[in-house]
Protein backbone atom coordinates (compact mmCIF):
# COMPACT_ATOMS: atom_id res chain seq x y z
CA MET A 1 -134.65 36.41 -18.77
CA ARG A 2 -130.69 38.06 -18.11
CA GLU A 3 -128.70 37.66 -20.74
CA PHE A 4 -125.19 37.37 -18.76
CA ARG A 5 -122.15 39.48 -19.19
CA TYR A 6 -118.58 37.90 -19.16
CA LEU A 7 -116.97 38.03 -16.03
CA PRO A 8 -114.09 39.88 -15.03
CA LYS A 9 -110.59 37.86 -14.36
CA ARG A 10 -111.32 37.46 -10.45
CA TYR A 11 -114.53 35.94 -10.75
CA MET A 12 -113.35 33.26 -13.41
CA LEU A 13 -113.60 29.56 -12.14
CA PRO A 14 -110.82 27.06 -13.73
CA ALA A 15 -113.03 24.49 -15.67
CA LEU A 16 -111.24 21.23 -13.16
CA GLY A 17 -112.24 23.04 -9.66
CA LEU A 18 -116.14 23.59 -10.46
CA LEU A 19 -117.42 21.54 -8.62
CA ILE A 20 -115.84 21.83 -5.42
CA ALA A 21 -115.41 25.61 -5.70
CA ALA A 22 -118.97 25.54 -6.22
CA ILE A 23 -119.62 25.08 -2.48
CA LEU A 24 -120.89 28.09 -1.16
CA VAL A 25 -119.79 27.05 2.17
CA PRO A 26 -116.30 26.12 2.98
CA ALA A 27 -116.00 22.75 5.11
CA ASN A 28 -114.17 24.97 7.86
CA TRP A 29 -117.36 26.12 8.35
CA SER A 30 -120.42 25.06 10.63
CA VAL A 31 -123.55 25.34 8.89
CA PRO A 32 -126.40 25.78 11.72
CA ASN A 33 -130.23 24.99 11.16
CA LEU A 34 -131.41 29.14 11.27
CA HIS A 35 -134.84 27.55 12.02
CA THR A 36 -137.56 29.76 13.68
CA GLY A 37 -140.77 29.03 12.58
CA THR A 38 -142.71 26.79 10.19
CA SER A 39 -141.76 27.38 6.00
CA LEU A 40 -144.14 26.98 3.45
CA ALA A 41 -143.40 23.73 1.61
CA VAL A 42 -141.00 23.81 -1.24
CA ALA A 43 -140.51 21.72 -4.24
CA SER A 44 -137.59 19.67 -4.02
CA ASN A 45 -134.65 19.28 -6.65
CA SER A 46 -134.69 15.87 -6.74
CA PRO A 47 -135.13 14.61 -10.35
CA ASN A 48 -138.37 12.63 -9.18
CA VAL A 49 -140.43 15.77 -8.55
CA SER A 50 -142.62 16.23 -11.83
CA LYS A 51 -141.55 19.16 -14.36
CA GLN A 52 -145.17 20.32 -13.83
CA VAL A 53 -144.46 21.84 -10.00
CA GLU A 54 -144.53 25.39 -10.19
CA LEU A 55 -141.34 26.19 -7.93
CA PRO A 56 -140.48 29.80 -6.39
CA LYS A 57 -138.81 32.15 -7.97
CA LEU A 58 -136.05 34.78 -7.41
CA SER A 59 -136.39 38.30 -9.09
CA ILE A 60 -133.64 40.73 -9.41
CA PRO A 61 -134.91 43.57 -11.71
CA ALA A 62 -131.85 45.49 -11.26
CA LEU A 63 -129.86 42.63 -12.66
CA GLY A 64 -132.58 41.43 -14.76
CA ILE A 65 -132.45 38.74 -13.07
CA GLU A 66 -135.53 35.69 -13.06
CA ALA A 67 -134.47 32.09 -11.42
CA GLN A 68 -136.38 28.97 -9.71
CA ILE A 69 -135.68 28.85 -6.43
CA LEU A 70 -134.73 25.06 -5.75
CA ASN A 71 -134.60 23.40 -2.41
CA LEU A 72 -131.21 22.89 -0.55
CA GLY A 73 -129.77 21.35 1.80
CA LEU A 74 -126.49 19.73 2.95
CA ASN A 75 -123.94 17.63 1.29
CA GLN A 76 -123.03 14.35 3.10
CA GLN A 77 -119.34 17.04 4.03
CA GLY A 78 -122.25 18.88 6.15
CA GLU A 79 -122.06 21.82 3.67
CA ILE A 80 -124.93 23.73 2.32
CA ASP A 81 -125.83 22.02 -1.41
CA THR A 82 -125.79 23.92 -4.61
CA PRO A 83 -128.09 24.08 -7.48
CA PRO A 84 -127.47 21.83 -10.48
CA ARG A 85 -127.76 23.94 -12.73
CA THR A 86 -125.58 27.32 -13.06
CA GLU A 87 -128.99 29.31 -13.85
CA ASP A 88 -131.05 28.36 -10.53
CA SER A 89 -131.01 29.85 -7.21
CA GLY A 90 -130.92 27.44 -4.14
CA TRP A 91 -132.86 28.39 -0.28
CA TYR A 92 -130.88 26.53 2.36
CA ASN A 93 -133.93 24.89 3.90
CA GLY A 94 -132.22 25.28 7.18
CA SER A 95 -132.88 28.73 7.46
CA PRO A 96 -136.41 29.88 7.27
CA TRP A 97 -138.11 30.88 4.24
CA PRO A 98 -137.53 34.41 3.23
CA GLY A 99 -140.48 36.56 4.62
CA GLU A 100 -140.50 34.60 7.81
CA ALA A 101 -139.05 35.95 11.23
CA GLY A 102 -135.40 35.27 10.95
CA THR A 103 -132.44 35.32 8.11
CA ALA A 104 -133.20 33.17 5.18
CA ILE A 105 -130.26 31.90 3.03
CA VAL A 106 -130.37 32.07 -1.19
CA THR A 107 -126.83 30.58 -2.83
CA GLY A 108 -126.23 30.69 -6.43
CA HIS A 109 -122.88 30.31 -8.46
CA VAL A 110 -120.98 32.78 -9.85
CA SER A 111 -119.68 31.18 -12.95
CA SER A 112 -120.08 27.83 -15.10
CA ARG A 113 -117.66 25.55 -15.53
CA ASP A 114 -116.20 26.76 -18.54
CA GLY A 115 -115.90 30.28 -16.75
CA ALA A 116 -119.07 31.61 -18.50
CA PRO A 117 -121.11 33.75 -15.75
CA ALA A 118 -123.92 31.96 -13.84
CA ILE A 119 -127.05 33.81 -11.84
CA PHE A 120 -125.11 35.19 -9.41
CA ALA A 121 -122.07 36.68 -11.34
CA GLU A 122 -122.83 40.52 -10.96
CA LEU A 123 -124.26 40.40 -7.78
CA HIS A 124 -121.33 42.26 -6.46
CA SER A 125 -122.81 45.07 -8.46
CA LEU A 126 -126.14 45.31 -6.31
CA LYS A 127 -126.47 48.99 -4.92
CA ALA A 128 -128.17 50.13 -1.60
CA GLY A 129 -131.85 50.42 -2.18
CA ASP A 130 -132.14 47.76 -5.00
CA GLU A 131 -135.26 45.12 -4.74
CA ILE A 132 -135.13 41.46 -4.38
CA ARG A 133 -138.54 39.39 -5.12
CA ILE A 134 -139.07 36.43 -3.79
CA THR A 135 -142.59 34.70 -5.31
CA ASP A 136 -143.80 31.24 -3.42
CA GLN A 137 -145.36 28.61 -5.08
CA ALA A 138 -148.73 30.40 -3.86
CA GLY A 139 -147.83 33.19 -5.84
CA VAL A 140 -147.07 35.44 -2.69
CA GLU A 141 -144.32 37.66 -3.80
CA ARG A 142 -142.01 39.20 -1.03
CA ARG A 143 -140.01 41.97 -1.26
CA PHE A 144 -136.76 42.89 -0.24
CA LYS A 145 -134.45 45.91 0.16
CA VAL A 146 -130.80 45.56 -0.62
CA SER A 147 -128.77 47.15 2.82
CA SER A 148 -125.46 46.17 2.24
CA MET A 149 -123.22 43.59 0.93
CA GLN A 150 -119.38 42.30 1.86
CA ASP A 151 -116.96 39.71 1.19
CA TYR A 152 -115.71 37.73 3.75
CA ASP A 153 -112.24 35.49 3.83
CA ILE A 154 -113.62 31.97 4.45
CA ASN A 155 -110.80 31.23 6.79
CA SER A 156 -111.77 34.18 9.51
CA ALA A 157 -116.14 34.95 8.19
CA PRO A 158 -117.96 35.94 10.71
CA LEU A 159 -120.50 33.17 10.79
CA ALA A 160 -122.68 34.61 12.97
CA GLU A 161 -123.17 37.61 10.80
CA ILE A 162 -123.43 36.14 7.74
CA TYR A 163 -126.10 33.59 8.81
CA GLY A 164 -127.91 36.14 10.84
CA ILE A 165 -128.17 34.48 13.97
CA ASN A 166 -129.85 36.48 16.62
CA GLN A 167 -130.85 39.52 14.14
CA THR A 168 -133.85 40.30 14.92
CA GLY A 169 -136.71 40.89 11.98
CA LYS A 170 -136.92 39.21 8.32
CA HIS A 171 -134.34 39.04 6.25
CA LEU A 172 -132.52 37.61 3.02
CA HIS A 173 -128.67 36.65 2.47
CA LEU A 174 -127.63 35.95 -1.24
CA ILE A 175 -124.25 34.12 -0.85
CA THR A 176 -121.87 33.18 -3.59
CA CYS A 177 -118.46 33.19 -4.62
CA ALA A 178 -115.39 35.82 -5.06
CA GLY A 179 -112.07 36.68 -4.56
CA ASP A 180 -109.44 34.93 -5.95
CA TRP A 181 -108.90 31.00 -7.18
CA ASP A 182 -106.81 28.95 -5.09
CA GLN A 183 -105.30 26.24 -6.90
CA HIS A 184 -104.23 24.49 -4.11
CA LYS A 185 -107.09 24.49 -1.87
CA GLN A 186 -109.80 24.20 -5.33
CA THR A 187 -112.05 26.98 -3.89
CA TYR A 188 -112.43 31.18 -4.04
CA SER A 189 -110.73 32.47 -1.32
CA LYS A 190 -113.51 34.61 -0.45
CA ARG A 191 -117.65 34.64 0.08
CA LEU A 192 -119.76 37.56 -1.11
CA VAL A 193 -122.74 38.04 1.14
CA MET A 194 -125.60 40.57 0.30
CA LYS A 195 -128.13 41.57 2.72
CA SER A 196 -131.20 42.75 2.50
CA LYS A 197 -134.43 43.06 4.47
CA LEU A 198 -138.23 42.28 3.97
CA ILE A 199 -140.33 45.51 2.93
CA GLU A 200 -143.34 45.76 4.99
């Protein structure tokens, strides 16, 4: 399991703003349903789900990340929900499951309430060619190769590019917060998107 390092100041999250800042897709972003096929069922993050259920796994060897993947939908504001724990990642269930045709979306926190680094604290340090591995509940592993990474201002983000709309092939985008903390808006100024493609 990864030992997280302290974050640069630009990634530190003020304590009172965590629950708002952790919303990875701002309210002014219209979140599309990206499904193009039938996804493999994955366990819900509901507390009623048995603890014996084996959740899908996310692995990023270059960062030492080994984490479970929760099933996330949209919250009441129409934004992609967030994992309840900072060490978990979450698959947006309005997107294809990683490995299906289209672009799968997986999100994660950059820091915790007290500013400690979270699962995607070092996502920005990945390089082209690094591997991301997704293992489903059946134990099938799919590997993706990082192709590019970019941060986007939340007020002028190209949503079709971020969500991979009309993108051919099988892709995986990892999304987290980035940029500067805006105390007035109670959110970060940017979103970091790591793009990868299935190794077939």
